[in-house]
All heavy atoms as atom14 arrays in JSON, in Angstrom:
{
  "sequence": "MRTRRELEPKVHKPVSPSAPGPNNNSSQQPATVTFTPVDVHME",
  "atom14_mask": [
    [1, 1, 1, 1, 1, 1, 1, 1, 0, 0, 0, 0, 0, 0],
    [1, 1, 1, 1, 1, 1, 1, 1, 1, 1, 1, 0, 0, 0],
    [1, 1, 1, 1, 1, 1, 1, 0, 0, 0, 0, 0, 0, 0],
    [1, 1, 1, 1, 1, 1, 1, 1, 1, 1, 1, 0, 0, 0],
    [1, 1, 1, 1, 1, 1, 1, 1, 1, 1, 1, 0, 0, 0],
    [1, 1, 1, 1, 1, 1, 1, 1, 1, 0, 0, 0, 0, 0],
    [1, 1, 1, 1, 1, 1, 1, 1, 0, 0, 0, 0, 0, 0],
    [1, 1, 1, 1, 1, 1, 1, 1, 1, 0, 0, 0, 0, 0],
    [1, 1, 1, 1, 1, 1, 1, 0, 0, 0, 0, 0, 0, 0],
    [1, 1, 1, 1, 1, 1, 1, 1, 1, 0, 0, 0, 0, 0],
    [1, 1, 1, 1, 1, 1, 1, 0, 0, 0, 0, 0, 0, 0],
    [1, 1, 1, 1, 1, 1, 1, 1, 1, 1, 0, 0, 0, 0],
    [1, 1, 1, 1, 1, 1, 1, 1, 1, 0, 0, 0, 0, 0],
    [1, 1, 1, 1, 1, 1, 1, 0, 0, 0, 0, 0, 0, 0],
    [1, 1, 1, 1, 1, 1, 1, 0, 0, 0, 0, 0, 0, 0],
    [1, 1, 1, 1, 1, 1, 0, 0, 0, 0, 0, 0, 0, 0],
    [1, 1, 1, 1, 1, 1, 1, 0, 0, 0, 0, 0, 0, 0],
    [1, 1, 1, 1, 1, 1, 0, 0, 0, 0, 0, 0, 0, 0],
    [1, 1, 1, 1, 1, 0, 0, 0, 0, 0, 0, 0, 0, 0],
    [1, 1, 1, 1, 1, 1, 1, 0, 0, 0, 0, 0, 0, 0],
    [1, 1, 1, 1, 0, 0, 0, 0, 0, 0, 0, 0, 0, 0],
    [1, 1, 1, 1, 1, 1, 1, 0, 0, 0, 0, 0, 0, 0],
    [1, 1, 1, 1, 1, 1, 1, 1, 0, 0, 0, 0, 0, 0],
    [1, 1, 1, 1, 1, 1, 1, 1, 0, 0, 0, 0, 0, 0],
    [1, 1, 1, 1, 1, 1, 1, 1, 0, 0, 0, 0, 0, 0],
    [1, 1, 1, 1, 1, 1, 0, 0, 0, 0, 0, 0, 0, 0],
    [1, 1, 1, 1, 1, 1, 0, 0, 0, 0, 0, 0, 0, 0],
    [1, 1, 1, 1, 1, 1, 1, 1, 1, 0, 0, 0, 0, 0],
    [1, 1, 1, 1, 1, 1, 1, 1, 1, 0, 0, 0, 0, 0],
    [1, 1, 1, 1, 1, 1, 1, 0, 0, 0, 0, 0, 0, 0],
    [1, 1, 1, 1, 1, 0, 0, 0, 0, 0, 0, 0, 0, 0],
    [1, 1, 1, 1, 1, 1, 1, 0, 0, 0, 0, 0, 0, 0],
    [1, 1, 1, 1, 1, 1, 1, 0, 0, 0, 0, 0, 0, 0],
    [1, 1, 1, 1, 1, 1, 1, 0, 0, 0, 0, 0, 0, 0],
    [1, 1, 1, 1, 1, 1, 1, 1, 1, 1, 1, 0, 0, 0],
    [1, 1, 1, 1, 1, 1, 1, 0, 0, 0, 0, 0, 0, 0],
    [1, 1, 1, 1, 1, 1, 1, 0, 0, 0, 0, 0, 0, 0],
    [1, 1, 1, 1, 1, 1, 1, 0, 0, 0, 0, 0, 0, 0],
    [1, 1, 1, 1, 1, 1, 1, 1, 0, 0, 0, 0, 0, 0],
    [1, 1, 1, 1, 1, 1, 1, 0, 0, 0, 0, 0, 0, 0],
    [1, 1, 1, 1, 1, 1, 1, 1, 1, 1, 0, 0, 0, 0],
    [1, 1, 1, 1, 1, 1, 1, 1, 0, 0, 0, 0, 0, 0],
    [1, 1, 1, 1, 1, 1, 1, 1, 1, 0, 0, 0, 0, 0]
  ],
  "atom14_positions": [
    [[-159.94, 69.52, -49.95], [-159.67, 68.31, -50.72], [-160.36, 67.1, -50.1], [-160.85, 66.23, -50.81], [-158.16, 68.05, -50.8], [-157.44, 68.99, -51.74], [-157.95, 68.69, -53.43], [-158.49, 70.29, -53.91], [0.0, 0.0, 0.0], [0.0, 0.0, 0.0], [0.0, 0.0, 0.0], [0.0, 0.0, 0.0], [0.0, 0.0, 0.0], [0.0, 0.0, 0.0]],
    [[-160.41, 67.03, -48.77], [-161.07, 65.91, -48.12], [-162.56, 65.9, -48.42], [-163.14, 64.86, -48.73], [-160.85, 65.97, -46.61], [-161.36, 64.73, -45.91], [-161.06, 64.7, -44.43], [-160.19, 65.74, -43.97], [-160.47, 66.54, -42.93], [-161.58, 66.41, -42.28], [-159.62, 67.47, -42.55], [0.0, 0.0, 0.0], [0.0, 0.0, 0.0], [0.0, 0.0, 0.0]],
    [[-163.2, 67.07, -48.37], [-164.63, 67.13, -48.67], [-164.87, 66.8, -50.15], [-165.85, 66.14, -50.48], [-165.23, 68.51, -48.34], [-164.49, 69.52, -49.02], [-165.21, 68.75, -46.86], [0.0, 0.0, 0.0], [0.0, 0.0, 0.0], [0.0, 0.0, 0.0], [0.0, 0.0, 0.0], [0.0, 0.0, 0.0], [0.0, 0.0, 0.0], [0.0, 0.0, 0.0]],
    [[-163.97, 67.21, -51.02], [-164.12, 66.9, -52.44], [-164.01, 65.4, -52.67], [-164.78, 64.81, -53.43], [-163.07, 67.64, -53.26], [-163.24, 67.44, -54.75], [-162.22, 68.19, -55.55], [-162.47, 69.63, -55.45], [-161.67, 70.55, -55.95], [-160.56, 70.19, -56.57], [-161.95, 71.82, -55.82], [0.0, 0.0, 0.0], [0.0, 0.0, 0.0], [0.0, 0.0, 0.0]],
    [[-163.05, 64.74, -51.99], [-162.9, 63.3, -52.13], [-164.11, 62.56, -51.56], [-164.54, 61.54, -52.1], [-161.64, 62.82, -51.4], [-160.37, 63.02, -52.18], [-159.22, 62.24, -51.56], [-159.09, 62.45, -50.13], [-158.27, 63.34, -49.57], [-157.52, 64.1, -50.32], [-158.2, 63.46, -48.26], [0.0, 0.0, 0.0], [0.0, 0.0, 0.0], [0.0, 0.0, 0.0]],
    [[-164.67, 63.06, -50.47], [-165.81, 62.39, -49.86], [-167.07, 62.54, -50.72], [-167.93, 61.67, -50.7], [-166.07, 62.93, -48.46], [-164.99, 62.51, -47.47], [-165.15, 63.2, -46.13], [-166.06, 64.04, -45.99], [-164.37, 62.88, -45.22], [0.0, 0.0, 0.0], [0.0, 0.0, 0.0], [0.0, 0.0, 0.0], [0.0, 0.0, 0.0], [0.0, 0.0, 0.0]],
    [[-167.17, 63.63, -51.46], [-168.36, 63.85, -52.27], [-168.29, 63.15, -53.62], [-169.32, 62.95, -54.26], [-168.59, 65.34, -52.48], [-168.96, 66.13, -51.22], [-169.08, 67.61, -51.54], [-170.27, 65.61, -50.64], [0.0, 0.0, 0.0], [0.0, 0.0, 0.0], [0.0, 0.0, 0.0], [0.0, 0.0, 0.0], [0.0, 0.0, 0.0], [0.0, 0.0, 0.0]],
    [[-167.1, 62.77, -54.07], [-166.97, 62.09, -55.35], [-167.53, 60.68, -55.23], [-167.42, 60.05, -54.17], [-165.5, 62.0, -55.77], [-164.93, 63.3, -56.25], [-163.46, 63.17, -56.64], [-162.88, 62.07, -56.45], [-162.92, 64.14, -57.14], [0.0, 0.0, 0.0], [0.0, 0.0, 0.0], [0.0, 0.0, 0.0], [0.0, 0.0, 0.0], [0.0, 0.0, 0.0]],
    [[-168.12, 60.16, -56.33], [-168.61, 58.78, -56.28], [-167.43, 57.82, -56.18], [-166.35, 58.05, -56.72], [-169.36, 58.61, -57.6], [-168.83, 59.67, -58.48], [-168.39, 60.81, -57.59], [0.0, 0.0, 0.0], [0.0, 0.0, 0.0], [0.0, 0.0, 0.0], [0.0, 0.0, 0.0], [0.0, 0.0, 0.0], [0.0, 0.0, 0.0], [0.0, 0.0, 0.0]],
    [[-167.66, 56.74, -55.46], [-166.6, 55.75, -55.28], [-166.44, 54.93, -56.56], [-167.4, 54.4, -57.09], [-166.96, 54.79, -54.14], [-167.22, 55.48, -52.83], [-165.93, 55.81, -52.15], [-166.25, 56.33, -50.76], [-165.36, 57.25, -50.26], [0.0, 0.0, 0.0], [0.0, 0.0, 0.0], [0.0, 0.0, 0.0], [0.0, 0.0, 0.0], [0.0, 0.0, 0.0]],
    [[-165.24, 54.87, -57.08], [-164.94, 54.1, -58.28], [-163.93, 53.04, -57.88], [-162.84, 53.35, -57.41], [-164.36, 54.99, -59.4], [-164.0, 54.15, -60.61], [-165.34, 56.08, -59.76], [0.0, 0.0, 0.0], [0.0, 0.0, 0.0], [0.0, 0.0, 0.0], [0.0, 0.0, 0.0], [0.0, 0.0, 0.0], [0.0, 0.0, 0.0], [0.0, 0.0, 0.0]],
    [[-164.3, 51.78, -58.07], [-163.39, 50.69, -57.74], [-162.48, 50.44, -58.92], [-162.93, 50.19, -60.03], [-164.18, 49.42, -57.4], [-165.01, 49.58, -56.18], [-164.47, 49.66, -54.92], [-166.36, 49.71, -56.01], [-165.43, 49.81, -54.04], [-166.59, 49.86, -54.68], [0.0, 0.0, 0.0], [0.0, 0.0, 0.0], [0.0, 0.0, 0.0], [0.0, 0.0, 0.0]],
    [[-161.21, 50.5, -58.66], [-160.24, 50.27, -59.72], [-160.02, 48.78, -59.87], [-159.98, 48.04, -58.89], [-158.91, 50.94, -59.38], [-159.0, 52.44, -59.29], [-157.66, 53.03, -58.94], [-157.77, 54.53, -58.79], [-156.52, 55.11, -58.33], [0.0, 0.0, 0.0], [0.0, 0.0, 0.0], [0.0, 0.0, 0.0], [0.0, 0.0, 0.0], [0.0, 0.0, 0.0]],
    [[-159.86, 48.29, -61.11], [-159.56, 46.86, -61.28], [-158.18, 46.56, -60.73], [-157.27, 47.39, -60.79], [-159.63, 46.64, -62.79], [-159.42, 47.99, -63.38], [-159.96, 48.98, -62.37], [0.0, 0.0, 0.0], [0.0, 0.0, 0.0], [0.0, 0.0, 0.0], [0.0, 0.0, 0.0], [0.0, 0.0, 0.0], [0.0, 0.0, 0.0], [0.0, 0.0, 0.0]],
    [[-158.03, 45.36, -60.2], [-156.76, 44.97, -59.61], [-155.77, 44.73, -60.74], [-156.01, 43.92, -61.63], [-156.93, 43.7, -58.75], [-155.58, 43.26, -58.19], [-157.93, 43.95, -57.66], [0.0, 0.0, 0.0], [0.0, 0.0, 0.0], [0.0, 0.0, 0.0], [0.0, 0.0, 0.0], [0.0, 0.0, 0.0], [0.0, 0.0, 0.0], [0.0, 0.0, 0.0]],
    [[-154.69, 45.45, -60.72], [-153.68, 45.28, -61.76], [-152.73, 44.18, -61.34], [-152.46, 43.98, -60.16], [-152.93, 46.58, -61.99], [-152.26, 46.95, -60.8], [0.0, 0.0, 0.0], [0.0, 0.0, 0.0], [0.0, 0.0, 0.0], [0.0, 0.0, 0.0], [0.0, 0.0, 0.0], [0.0, 0.0, 0.0], [0.0, 0.0, 0.0], [0.0, 0.0, 0.0]],
    [[-152.17, 43.44, -62.29], [-151.23, 42.38, -61.92], [-149.98, 42.98, -61.32], [-149.62, 44.13, -61.59], [-150.94, 41.68, -63.25], [-151.28, 42.68, -64.3], [-152.37, 43.54, -63.71], [0.0, 0.0, 0.0], [0.0, 0.0, 0.0], [0.0, 0.0, 0.0], [0.0, 0.0, 0.0], [0.0, 0.0, 0.0], [0.0, 0.0, 0.0], [0.0, 0.0, 0.0]],
    [[-149.33, 42.19, -60.49], [-148.1, 42.67, -59.87], [-147.01, 42.77, -60.92], [-147.27, 42.69, -62.11], [-147.71, 41.76, -58.72], [-147.54, 40.45, -59.21], [0.0, 0.0, 0.0], [0.0, 0.0, 0.0], [0.0, 0.0, 0.0], [0.0, 0.0, 0.0], [0.0, 0.0, 0.0], [0.0, 0.0, 0.0], [0.0, 0.0, 0.0], [0.0, 0.0, 0.0]],
    [[-145.79, 42.86, -60.47], [-144.67, 43.08, -61.38], [-144.68, 42.06, -62.51], [-144.85, 40.87, -62.27], [-143.36, 42.98, -60.61], [0.0, 0.0, 0.0], [0.0, 0.0, 0.0], [0.0, 0.0, 0.0], [0.0, 0.0, 0.0], [0.0, 0.0, 0.0], [0.0, 0.0, 0.0], [0.0, 0.0, 0.0], [0.0, 0.0, 0.0], [0.0, 0.0, 0.0]],
    [[-144.52, 42.5, -63.75], [-144.56, 41.57, -64.88], [-143.39, 40.6, -64.83], [-142.27, 40.98, -64.53], [-144.49, 42.47, -66.11], [-143.96, 43.77, -65.62], [-144.31, 43.87, -64.17], [0.0, 0.0, 0.0], [0.0, 0.0, 0.0], [0.0, 0.0, 0.0], [0.0, 0.0, 0.0], [0.0, 0.0, 0.0], [0.0, 0.0, 0.0], [0.0, 0.0, 0.0]],
    [[-143.71, 39.34, -65.13], [-142.67, 38.31, -65.14], [-141.93, 38.31, -66.46], [-142.24, 39.06, -67.38], [0.0, 0.0, 0.0], [0.0, 0.0, 0.0], [0.0, 0.0, 0.0], [0.0, 0.0, 0.0], [0.0, 0.0, 0.0], [0.0, 0.0, 0.0], [0.0, 0.0, 0.0], [0.0, 0.0, 0.0], [0.0, 0.0, 0.0], [0.0, 0.0, 0.0]],
    [[-140.96, 37.4, -66.61], [-140.17, 37.37, -67.85], [-140.99, 36.91, -69.05], [-140.73, 37.32, -70.16], [-139.03, 36.41, -67.54], [-139.5, 35.6, -66.37], [-140.47, 36.47, -65.62], [0.0, 0.0, 0.0], [0.0, 0.0, 0.0], [0.0, 0.0, 0.0], [0.0, 0.0, 0.0], [0.0, 0.0, 0.0], [0.0, 0.0, 0.0], [0.0, 0.0, 0.0]],
    [[-142.01, 36.05, -68.85], [-142.81, 35.58, -69.98], [-144.22, 36.14, -69.92], [-145.16, 35.49, -70.32], [-142.8, 34.04, -70.04], [-143.26, 33.46, -68.71], [-143.56, 34.2, -67.79], [-143.29, 32.14, -68.63], [0.0, 0.0, 0.0], [0.0, 0.0, 0.0], [0.0, 0.0, 0.0], [0.0, 0.0, 0.0], [0.0, 0.0, 0.0], [0.0, 0.0, 0.0]],
    [[-144.37, 37.32, -69.43], [-145.68, 37.97, -69.34], [-145.83, 38.94, -70.5], [-145.08, 39.9, -70.62], [-145.81, 38.7, -68.0], [-147.21, 39.22, -67.77], [-148.12, 38.96, -68.55], [-147.38, 39.96, -66.69], [0.0, 0.0, 0.0], [0.0, 0.0, 0.0], [0.0, 0.0, 0.0], [0.0, 0.0, 0.0], [0.0, 0.0, 0.0], [0.0, 0.0, 0.0]],
    [[-146.8, 38.69, -71.39], [-147.05, 39.58, -72.52], [-148.28, 40.42, -72.22], [-149.14, 40.04, -71.44], [-147.26, 38.78, -73.81], [-146.0, 38.04, -74.2], [-144.9, 38.45, -73.83], [-146.16, 36.96, -74.95], [0.0, 0.0, 0.0], [0.0, 0.0, 0.0], [0.0, 0.0, 0.0], [0.0, 0.0, 0.0], [0.0, 0.0, 0.0], [0.0, 0.0, 0.0]],
    [[-148.39, 41.54, -72.88], [-149.54, 42.41, -72.65], [-150.82, 41.8, -73.21], [-151.92, 42.16, -72.81], [-149.3, 43.78, -73.26], [-149.09, 43.65, -74.65], [0.0, 0.0, 0.0], [0.0, 0.0, 0.0], [0.0, 0.0, 0.0], [0.0, 0.0, 0.0], [0.0, 0.0, 0.0], [0.0, 0.0, 0.0], [0.0, 0.0, 0.0], [0.0, 0.0, 0.0]],
    [[-150.72, 40.82, -74.14], [-151.9, 40.22, -74.73], [-152.47, 39.11, -73.84], [-153.59, 38.68, -74.04], [-151.57, 39.65, -76.12], [-150.6, 38.63, -75.98], [0.0, 0.0, 0.0], [0.0, 0.0, 0.0], [0.0, 0.0, 0.0], [0.0, 0.0, 0.0], [0.0, 0.0, 0.0], [0.0, 0.0, 0.0], [0.0, 0.0, 0.0], [0.0, 0.0, 0.0]],
    [[-151.69, 38.63, -72.87], [-152.17, 37.58, -71.99], [-153.09, 38.15, -70.93], [-152.91, 39.29, -70.49], [-151.0, 36.88, -71.29], [-150.14, 36.06, -72.2], [-149.01, 35.41, -71.42], [-148.69, 35.86, -70.33], [-148.42, 34.38, -71.99], [0.0, 0.0, 0.0], [0.0, 0.0, 0.0], [0.0, 0.0, 0.0], [0.0, 0.0, 0.0], [0.0, 0.0, 0.0]],
    [[-154.06, 37.34, -70.51], [-154.94, 37.74, -69.43], [-154.23, 37.47, -68.11], [-153.49, 36.5, -67.99], [-156.25, 36.94, -69.49], [-157.1, 37.23, -70.7], [-157.71, 38.63, -70.62], [-157.89, 39.16, -69.55], [-157.99, 39.21, -71.76], [0.0, 0.0, 0.0], [0.0, 0.0, 0.0], [0.0, 0.0, 0.0], [0.0, 0.0, 0.0], [0.0, 0.0, 0.0]],
    [[-154.43, 38.31, -67.12], [-153.81, 38.04, -65.82], [-154.42, 36.78, -65.21], [-155.59, 36.48, -65.41], [-154.12, 39.27, -64.98], [-155.25, 39.94, -65.68], [-155.17, 39.56, -67.13], [0.0, 0.0, 0.0], [0.0, 0.0, 0.0], [0.0, 0.0, 0.0], [0.0, 0.0, 0.0], [0.0, 0.0, 0.0], [0.0, 0.0, 0.0], [0.0, 0.0, 0.0]],
    [[-153.63, 36.02, -64.5], [-154.09, 34.77, -63.9], [-155.08, 35.09, -62.78], [-154.9, 36.03, -62.02], [-152.9, 34.0, -63.34], [0.0, 0.0, 0.0], [0.0, 0.0, 0.0], [0.0, 0.0, 0.0], [0.0, 0.0, 0.0], [0.0, 0.0, 0.0], [0.0, 0.0, 0.0], [0.0, 0.0, 0.0], [0.0, 0.0, 0.0], [0.0, 0.0, 0.0]],
    [[-156.17, 34.3, -62.73], [-157.15, 34.48, -61.66], [-157.01, 33.35, -60.68], [-156.73, 32.2, -61.05], [-158.57, 34.5, -62.23], [-158.8, 33.28, -62.93], [-158.76, 35.68, -63.18], [0.0, 0.0, 0.0], [0.0, 0.0, 0.0], [0.0, 0.0, 0.0], [0.0, 0.0, 0.0], [0.0, 0.0, 0.0], [0.0, 0.0, 0.0], [0.0, 0.0, 0.0]],
    [[-157.21, 33.65, -59.43], [-157.11, 32.67, -58.38], [-158.47, 32.57, -57.72], [-159.05, 33.57, -57.32], [-156.04, 33.07, -57.34], [-155.98, 32.05, -56.21], [-154.7, 33.23, -58.02], [0.0, 0.0, 0.0], [0.0, 0.0, 0.0], [0.0, 0.0, 0.0], [0.0, 0.0, 0.0], [0.0, 0.0, 0.0], [0.0, 0.0, 0.0], [0.0, 0.0, 0.0]],
    [[-158.98, 31.35, -57.61], [-160.27, 31.13, -56.99], [-160.06, 30.34, -55.71], [-159.4, 29.3, -55.73], [-161.21, 30.35, -57.92], [-161.29, 31.04, -59.16], [-162.59, 30.2, -57.32], [0.0, 0.0, 0.0], [0.0, 0.0, 0.0], [0.0, 0.0, 0.0], [0.0, 0.0, 0.0], [0.0, 0.0, 0.0], [0.0, 0.0, 0.0], [0.0, 0.0, 0.0]],
    [[-160.58, 30.85, -54.62], [-160.47, 30.18, -53.35], [-161.77, 29.44, -53.07], [-162.85, 30.01, -53.18], [-160.19, 31.18, -52.23], [-158.84, 31.81, -52.33], [-158.69, 33.09, -52.85], [-157.71, 31.12, -51.91], [-157.44, 33.66, -52.94], [-156.47, 31.7, -52.0], [-156.32, 32.97, -52.51], [0.0, 0.0, 0.0], [0.0, 0.0, 0.0], [0.0, 0.0, 0.0]],
    [[-161.67, 28.17, -52.72], [-162.84, 27.4, -52.35], [-162.74, 27.04, -50.88], [-161.65, 26.7, -50.39], [-162.94, 26.12, -53.19], [-161.74, 25.37, -53.02], [-163.13, 26.44, -54.65], [0.0, 0.0, 0.0], [0.0, 0.0, 0.0], [0.0, 0.0, 0.0], [0.0, 0.0, 0.0], [0.0, 0.0, 0.0], [0.0, 0.0, 0.0], [0.0, 0.0, 0.0]],
    [[-163.85, 27.12, -50.16], [-163.79, 26.79, -48.73], [-163.51, 25.31, -48.53], [-163.97, 24.46, -49.3], [-165.17, 27.18, -48.21], [-166.03, 27.25, -49.41], [-165.16, 27.55, -50.58], [0.0, 0.0, 0.0], [0.0, 0.0, 0.0], [0.0, 0.0, 0.0], [0.0, 0.0, 0.0], [0.0, 0.0, 0.0], [0.0, 0.0, 0.0], [0.0, 0.0, 0.0]],
    [[-162.74, 25.0, -47.55], [-162.37, 23.63, -47.25], [-163.02, 23.26, -45.94], [-163.0, 24.02, -44.97], [-160.83, 23.48, -47.15], [-160.44, 22.06, -46.77], [-160.2, 23.91, -48.45], [0.0, 0.0, 0.0], [0.0, 0.0, 0.0], [0.0, 0.0, 0.0], [0.0, 0.0, 0.0], [0.0, 0.0, 0.0], [0.0, 0.0, 0.0], [0.0, 0.0, 0.0]],
    [[-163.59, 22.07, -45.9], [-164.24, 21.61, -44.69], [-163.18, 21.03, -43.77], [-162.61, 19.97, -44.03], [-165.3, 20.55, -45.05], [-166.19, 20.25, -43.88], [-166.19, 21.04, -42.92], [-166.9, 19.23, -43.94], [0.0, 0.0, 0.0], [0.0, 0.0, 0.0], [0.0, 0.0, 0.0], [0.0, 0.0, 0.0], [0.0, 0.0, 0.0], [0.0, 0.0, 0.0]],
    [[-162.88, 21.74, -42.71], [-161.83, 21.33, -41.8], [-162.48, 20.96, -40.47], [-163.25, 21.74, -39.91], [-160.8, 22.47, -41.6], [-159.75, 22.03, -40.58], [-160.17, 22.85, -42.91], [0.0, 0.0, 0.0], [0.0, 0.0, 0.0], [0.0, 0.0, 0.0], [0.0, 0.0, 0.0], [0.0, 0.0, 0.0], [0.0, 0.0, 0.0], [0.0, 0.0, 0.0]],
    [[-162.18, 19.76, -39.99], [-162.71, 19.32, -38.71], [-161.58, 19.24, -37.71], [-160.55, 18.63, -37.97], [-163.36, 17.93, -38.84], [-164.57, 17.94, -39.73], [-165.75, 18.47, -39.35], [-164.75, 17.5, -41.01], [-166.64, 18.35, -40.32], [-166.04, 17.76, -41.36], [0.0, 0.0, 0.0], [0.0, 0.0, 0.0], [0.0, 0.0, 0.0], [0.0, 0.0, 0.0]],
    [[-161.77, 19.91, -36.6], [-160.79, 19.87, -35.53], [-161.18, 18.76, -34.58], [-162.34, 18.64, -34.19], [-160.74, 21.2, -34.8], [-160.33, 22.36, -35.66], [-158.62, 22.29, -36.16], [-157.83, 22.57, -34.61], [0.0, 0.0, 0.0], [0.0, 0.0, 0.0], [0.0, 0.0, 0.0], [0.0, 0.0, 0.0], [0.0, 0.0, 0.0], [0.0, 0.0, 0.0]],
    [[-160.23, 17.95, -34.17], [-160.48, 16.91, -33.19], [-160.42, 17.48, -31.79], [-159.55, 18.29, -31.49], [-159.47, 15.78, -33.33], [-159.6, 15.0, -34.61], [-158.6, 13.86, -34.66], [-158.08, 13.47, -33.59], [-158.36, 13.37, -35.76], [0.0, 0.0, 0.0], [0.0, 0.0, 0.0], [0.0, 0.0, 0.0], [0.0, 0.0, 0.0], [0.0, 0.0, 0.0]]
  ]
}
């Protein structure tokens, strides 16, 4: 089984949303979070 898994092509699964909230419908798109680098200066 290990050799079979190593020989299979790697398929990245899309990240599924965590537990559905009370107002989460299947027609809504999952929320995306974008991180932007912040310029932090240490004194």
